[in-house]
Each structure stands twice: as structure tokens, then as C-alpha cells.
Amino acid sequence: MKQAIIFTLTFLVLGILNSLISILFDLNFGDVSIPLGVVCVGFAHSFTGGTSPYMRQSDMETRGETGIRMPFMNKAARTSFIFFGSLAYFLFALILTLFFYREYFIG
């Protein structure tokens, strides 16, 4: 249940953020959604999934301050529902954009 709430909340926050950006800069909602989705997927993967440089940096800082070596655990399979929510938002934005601009793509 908690995962579904996080997934839905991520989707809604990205939609609200997309609305605010499109109103603030007077852009089309669909034109902003794909770049926002790509950026959010990248951030979500960098900060929540796998062994990224950000995660290793905190382990190295802990080792440098305390002298205790942190055991290395492969966290490659640890992806969060924030990542899945932002990925779903990107796919939704891509499908929505292809639907609205179908005459341009079909010819």
C-alpha cells in the first residue's frame, strides 16, 4: 500500500511541477513534459537506484572520518517506486505527445 501511495504521489508531483513550469514560462504542457520526465528519471535513478557515485561518496566519507570500512553491498536491484513513478510519467508524456502530434509523425 505504501508503494502505491509513493508511486501515485510521485506522478502527481511531477504533473503539478510540469503545470507550474508551463504556466511560469508560458509554454505548452506537452512540450515541457518529456524533458521534465527525462530529467526526473535521471535524478531518481541517480539518487535511489544502485551504487551511484553519490552513494559511494557517503560511504567513503564515513570511512575517512571513523576509520571503519563499510561493507560493500551491491545495490543494483534496489530501485524505488519514485523511479518507477517518474518513469511512468515519462512514458505517459511520450504517449500523450505522440497522440497530440500524430499528424506530424504520420505525414
N, C-alpha and C. Protein backbone atom coordinates (compact mmCIF):
# COMPACT_ATOMS: atom_id res chain seq x y z
N MET A 1 0.82 -1.20 0.00
CA MET A 1 0.00 0.00 0.00
C MET A 1 0.87 1.26 0.00
N LYS A 2 1.96 1.23 0.77
CA LYS A 2 2.85 2.38 0.83
C LYS A 2 3.50 2.63 -0.52
N GLN A 3 3.85 1.57 -1.24
CA GLN A 3 4.48 1.73 -2.54
C GLN A 3 3.53 2.38 -3.54
N ALA A 4 2.25 2.01 -3.49
CA ALA A 4 1.26 2.59 -4.40
C ALA A 4 1.07 4.07 -4.12
N ILE A 5 1.10 4.45 -2.84
CA ILE A 5 0.96 5.86 -2.49
C ILE A 5 2.17 6.64 -2.97
N ILE A 6 3.37 6.11 -2.80
CA ILE A 6 4.59 6.78 -3.25
C ILE A 6 4.58 6.93 -4.77
N PHE A 7 4.18 5.87 -5.47
CA PHE A 7 4.10 5.90 -6.93
C PHE A 7 3.13 6.98 -7.40
N THR A 8 1.93 7.00 -6.82
CA THR A 8 0.91 7.96 -7.21
C THR A 8 1.31 9.38 -6.84
N LEU A 9 1.89 9.55 -5.66
CA LEU A 9 2.33 10.87 -5.23
C LEU A 9 3.43 11.41 -6.13
N THR A 10 4.35 10.55 -6.56
CA THR A 10 5.40 10.97 -7.48
C THR A 10 4.81 11.43 -8.80
N PHE A 11 3.86 10.67 -9.32
CA PHE A 11 3.20 11.01 -10.57
C PHE A 11 2.49 12.36 -10.46
N LEU A 12 1.78 12.58 -9.35
CA LEU A 12 1.05 13.83 -9.15
C LEU A 12 1.99 15.02 -8.96
N VAL A 13 3.07 14.84 -8.21
CA VAL A 13 4.02 15.93 -8.00
C VAL A 13 4.67 16.33 -9.32
N LEU A 14 5.01 15.36 -10.15
CA LEU A 14 5.60 15.69 -11.45
C LEU A 14 4.59 16.41 -12.35
N GLY A 15 3.33 16.02 -12.28
CA GLY A 15 2.31 16.72 -13.05
C GLY A 15 2.12 18.14 -12.59
N ILE A 16 2.12 18.37 -11.28
CA ILE A 16 1.99 19.73 -10.75
C ILE A 16 3.22 20.56 -11.10
N LEU A 17 4.40 19.97 -10.97
CA LEU A 17 5.62 20.67 -11.34
C LEU A 17 5.62 21.03 -12.82
N ASN A 18 5.15 20.13 -13.65
CA ASN A 18 5.06 20.40 -15.09
C ASN A 18 4.09 21.54 -15.35
N SER A 19 2.96 21.56 -14.65
CA SER A 19 1.99 22.65 -14.81
C SER A 19 2.59 23.98 -14.40
N LEU A 20 3.30 24.00 -13.28
CA LEU A 20 3.89 25.24 -12.81
C LEU A 20 4.95 25.76 -13.79
N ILE A 21 5.77 24.88 -14.32
CA ILE A 21 6.79 25.30 -15.28
C ILE A 21 6.14 25.82 -16.56
N SER A 22 5.11 25.13 -17.03
CA SER A 22 4.47 25.58 -18.27
C SER A 22 3.71 26.89 -18.08
N ILE A 23 3.15 27.14 -16.90
CA ILE A 23 2.48 28.42 -16.65
C ILE A 23 3.50 29.53 -16.45
N LEU A 24 4.56 29.23 -15.71
CA LEU A 24 5.57 30.24 -15.39
C LEU A 24 6.30 30.74 -16.64
N PHE A 25 6.65 29.83 -17.53
CA PHE A 25 7.39 30.20 -18.73
C PHE A 25 6.51 30.30 -19.98
N ASP A 26 5.20 30.21 -19.82
CA ASP A 26 4.23 30.32 -20.91
C ASP A 26 4.55 29.34 -22.05
N LEU A 27 4.69 28.06 -21.66
CA LEU A 27 4.96 27.00 -22.62
C LEU A 27 3.80 26.02 -22.64
N ASN A 28 3.77 25.19 -23.66
CA ASN A 28 2.76 24.15 -23.77
C ASN A 28 3.07 23.03 -22.76
N PHE A 29 2.02 22.50 -22.13
CA PHE A 29 2.17 21.45 -21.13
C PHE A 29 2.87 20.23 -21.73
N GLY A 30 2.47 19.83 -22.92
CA GLY A 30 3.04 18.65 -23.56
C GLY A 30 4.49 18.82 -23.98
N ASP A 31 4.86 20.06 -24.32
CA ASP A 31 6.24 20.30 -24.74
C ASP A 31 7.22 20.27 -23.58
N VAL A 32 6.75 20.54 -22.37
CA VAL A 32 7.61 20.54 -21.19
C VAL A 32 7.68 19.15 -20.56
N SER A 33 6.67 18.33 -20.79
CA SER A 33 6.55 17.07 -20.06
C SER A 33 7.65 16.06 -20.38
N ILE A 34 8.07 15.96 -21.63
CA ILE A 34 9.10 14.97 -21.95
C ILE A 34 10.47 15.34 -21.36
N PRO A 35 10.96 16.59 -21.54
CA PRO A 35 12.24 16.90 -20.90
C PRO A 35 12.19 16.80 -19.37
N LEU A 36 11.08 17.20 -18.77
CA LEU A 36 10.94 17.07 -17.33
C LEU A 36 10.95 15.61 -16.90
N GLY A 37 10.28 14.76 -17.67
CA GLY A 37 10.27 13.33 -17.36
C GLY A 37 11.65 12.71 -17.46
N VAL A 38 12.42 13.09 -18.47
CA VAL A 38 13.77 12.55 -18.64
C VAL A 38 14.67 12.99 -17.49
N VAL A 39 14.60 14.26 -17.12
CA VAL A 39 15.42 14.78 -16.03
C VAL A 39 15.05 14.10 -14.71
N CYS A 40 13.77 13.94 -14.45
CA CYS A 40 13.34 13.32 -13.19
C CYS A 40 13.68 11.84 -13.14
N VAL A 41 13.61 11.14 -14.26
CA VAL A 41 14.03 9.73 -14.28
C VAL A 41 15.52 9.63 -13.99
N GLY A 42 16.30 10.53 -14.58
CA GLY A 42 17.75 10.53 -14.32
C GLY A 42 18.08 10.81 -12.87
N PHE A 43 17.42 11.81 -12.29
CA PHE A 43 17.66 12.12 -10.88
C PHE A 43 17.21 10.98 -9.98
N ALA A 44 16.05 10.41 -10.26
CA ALA A 44 15.55 9.33 -9.42
C ALA A 44 16.47 8.11 -9.48
N HIS A 45 16.98 7.81 -10.66
CA HIS A 45 17.88 6.67 -10.77
C HIS A 45 19.22 6.96 -10.09
N SER A 46 19.71 8.18 -10.22
CA SER A 46 20.99 8.53 -9.62
C SER A 46 20.96 8.48 -8.10
N PHE A 47 19.86 8.92 -7.51
CA PHE A 47 19.82 9.03 -6.07
C PHE A 47 19.19 7.84 -5.36
N THR A 48 18.43 7.00 -6.07
CA THR A 48 17.75 5.90 -5.39
C THR A 48 18.13 4.52 -5.89
N GLY A 49 18.71 4.40 -7.05
CA GLY A 49 18.95 3.08 -7.61
C GLY A 49 20.41 2.74 -7.71
N GLY A 50 20.75 1.57 -7.27
CA GLY A 50 22.09 1.05 -7.49
C GLY A 50 23.18 1.72 -6.69
N THR A 51 24.39 1.42 -7.07
CA THR A 51 25.56 2.01 -6.42
C THR A 51 26.04 3.18 -7.26
N SER A 52 25.53 4.32 -7.00
CA SER A 52 25.91 5.51 -7.74
C SER A 52 27.09 6.18 -7.06
N PRO A 53 27.73 7.11 -7.73
CA PRO A 53 28.84 7.83 -7.09
C PRO A 53 28.39 8.59 -5.84
N TYR A 54 27.13 9.01 -5.80
CA TYR A 54 26.63 9.73 -4.63
C TYR A 54 26.55 8.82 -3.41
N MET A 55 26.15 7.57 -3.64
CA MET A 55 26.05 6.63 -2.53
C MET A 55 27.44 6.21 -2.06
N ARG A 56 28.36 6.00 -2.99
CA ARG A 56 29.72 5.61 -2.62
C ARG A 56 30.45 6.74 -1.91
N GLN A 57 30.14 8.00 -2.27
CA GLN A 57 30.78 9.14 -1.64
C GLN A 57 30.49 9.18 -0.14
N SER A 58 29.24 8.93 0.23
CA SER A 58 28.91 8.94 1.66
C SER A 58 29.59 7.79 2.39
N ASP A 59 29.73 6.63 1.76
CA ASP A 59 30.45 5.52 2.38
C ASP A 59 31.93 5.86 2.58
N MET A 60 32.52 6.54 1.60
CA MET A 60 33.93 6.91 1.70
C MET A 60 34.15 7.98 2.77
N GLU A 61 33.19 8.91 2.90
CA GLU A 61 33.31 9.92 3.93
C GLU A 61 33.22 9.30 5.32
N THR A 62 32.32 8.34 5.48
CA THR A 62 32.19 7.65 6.77
C THR A 62 33.47 6.90 7.10
N ARG A 63 34.04 6.26 6.10
CA ARG A 63 35.29 5.52 6.33
C ARG A 63 36.43 6.47 6.69
N GLY A 64 36.48 7.62 6.04
CA GLY A 64 37.55 8.57 6.33
C GLY A 64 37.44 9.19 7.71
N GLU A 65 36.23 9.42 8.18
CA GLU A 65 36.05 10.05 9.48
C GLU A 65 36.22 9.06 10.63
N THR A 66 35.72 7.84 10.45
CA THR A 66 35.72 6.88 11.56
C THR A 66 36.81 5.84 11.46
N GLY A 67 37.32 5.61 10.27
CA GLY A 67 38.30 4.55 10.08
C GLY A 67 37.68 3.17 9.95
N ILE A 68 36.36 3.11 9.98
CA ILE A 68 35.65 1.84 9.85
C ILE A 68 35.33 1.62 8.38
N ARG A 69 35.70 0.47 7.89
CA ARG A 69 35.43 0.16 6.49
C ARG A 69 34.00 -0.35 6.37
N MET A 70 33.24 0.30 5.53
CA MET A 70 31.85 -0.08 5.30
C MET A 70 31.82 -1.28 4.36
N PRO A 71 31.05 -2.30 4.69
CA PRO A 71 30.97 -3.44 3.78
C PRO A 71 30.28 -3.04 2.49
N PHE A 72 30.87 -3.49 1.37
CA PHE A 72 30.30 -3.17 0.06
C PHE A 72 29.15 -4.12 -0.22
N MET A 73 27.99 -3.54 -0.47
CA MET A 73 26.83 -4.34 -0.84
C MET A 73 26.37 -3.89 -2.22
N ASN A 74 26.20 -4.83 -3.10
CA ASN A 74 25.73 -4.50 -4.44
C ASN A 74 24.25 -4.17 -4.36
N LYS A 75 23.93 -2.92 -4.64
CA LYS A 75 22.55 -2.46 -4.52
C LYS A 75 21.92 -2.25 -5.89
N ALA A 76 22.36 -3.00 -6.88
CA ALA A 76 21.91 -2.76 -8.25
C ALA A 76 20.43 -3.05 -8.43
N ALA A 77 19.87 -3.94 -7.66
CA ALA A 77 18.46 -4.29 -7.82
C ALA A 77 17.55 -3.41 -6.98
N ARG A 78 18.11 -2.44 -6.27
CA ARG A 78 17.31 -1.61 -5.37
C ARG A 78 16.84 -0.37 -6.11
N THR A 79 15.74 -0.46 -6.80
CA THR A 79 15.13 0.70 -7.43
C THR A 79 13.86 1.03 -6.67
N SER A 80 13.58 2.30 -6.54
CA SER A 80 12.45 2.72 -5.72
C SER A 80 11.22 2.99 -6.57
N PHE A 81 10.13 3.18 -5.87
CA PHE A 81 8.88 3.50 -6.56
C PHE A 81 8.86 4.94 -7.01
N ILE A 82 9.76 5.77 -6.51
CA ILE A 82 9.92 7.12 -7.05
C ILE A 82 10.47 7.03 -8.47
N PHE A 83 11.42 6.13 -8.68
CA PHE A 83 11.96 5.90 -10.03
C PHE A 83 10.87 5.38 -10.96
N PHE A 84 10.10 4.40 -10.48
CA PHE A 84 9.04 3.85 -11.32
C PHE A 84 7.95 4.88 -11.61
N GLY A 85 7.64 5.73 -10.64
CA GLY A 85 6.65 6.79 -10.86
C GLY A 85 7.12 7.79 -11.89
N SER A 86 8.38 8.19 -11.82
CA SER A 86 8.90 9.14 -12.81
C SER A 86 9.05 8.49 -14.18
N LEU A 87 9.36 7.21 -14.22
CA LEU A 87 9.42 6.50 -15.50
C LEU A 87 8.03 6.40 -16.12
N ALA A 88 7.03 6.11 -15.30
CA ALA A 88 5.65 6.06 -15.80
C ALA A 88 5.20 7.43 -16.29
N TYR A 89 5.61 8.48 -15.59
CA TYR A 89 5.27 9.83 -16.03
C TYR A 89 5.91 10.14 -17.39
N PHE A 90 7.16 9.75 -17.55
CA PHE A 90 7.83 9.97 -18.84
C PHE A 90 7.13 9.21 -19.95
N LEU A 91 6.78 7.96 -19.72
CA LEU A 91 6.10 7.17 -20.75
C LEU A 91 4.72 7.74 -21.06
N PHE A 92 4.01 8.20 -20.03
CA PHE A 92 2.71 8.84 -20.24
C PHE A 92 2.87 10.11 -21.07
N ALA A 93 3.89 10.91 -20.76
CA ALA A 93 4.14 12.14 -21.51
C ALA A 93 4.52 11.84 -22.96
N LEU A 94 5.29 10.78 -23.17
CA LEU A 94 5.69 10.40 -24.52
C LEU A 94 4.48 9.97 -25.35
N ILE A 95 3.62 9.15 -24.76
CA ILE A 95 2.41 8.69 -25.46
C ILE A 95 1.48 9.87 -25.73
N LEU A 96 1.34 10.77 -24.76
CA LEU A 96 0.49 11.94 -24.93
C LEU A 96 1.02 12.85 -26.04
N THR A 97 2.33 13.03 -26.09
CA THR A 97 2.93 13.86 -27.14
C THR A 97 2.77 13.22 -28.51
N LEU A 98 2.98 11.91 -28.60
CA LEU A 98 2.78 11.23 -29.88
C LEU A 98 1.33 11.30 -30.34
N PHE A 99 0.40 11.27 -29.38
CA PHE A 99 -1.02 11.37 -29.74
C PHE A 99 -1.36 12.76 -30.25
N PHE A 100 -0.87 13.80 -29.58
CA PHE A 100 -1.20 15.16 -29.99
C PHE A 100 -0.52 15.57 -31.30
N TYR A 101 0.66 15.06 -31.56
CA TYR A 101 1.39 15.41 -32.77
C TYR A 101 1.39 14.26 -33.78
N ARG A 102 0.35 13.46 -33.80
CA ARG A 102 0.30 12.29 -34.69
C ARG A 102 0.28 12.69 -36.16
N GLU A 103 -0.33 13.81 -36.52
CA GLU A 103 -0.32 14.24 -37.93
C GLU A 103 1.10 14.57 -38.39
N TYR A 104 1.89 15.11 -37.50
CA TYR A 104 3.28 15.44 -37.85
C TYR A 104 4.09 14.17 -38.06
N PHE A 105 3.89 13.16 -37.22
CA PHE A 105 4.67 11.93 -37.33
C PHE A 105 4.17 11.02 -38.46
N ILE A 106 2.88 11.01 -38.70
CA ILE A 106 2.33 10.14 -39.75
C ILE A 106 2.56 10.75 -41.13
N GLY A 107 2.47 12.03 -41.24
CA GLY A 107 2.78 12.66 -42.51
C GLY A 107 1.62 13.42 -42.98
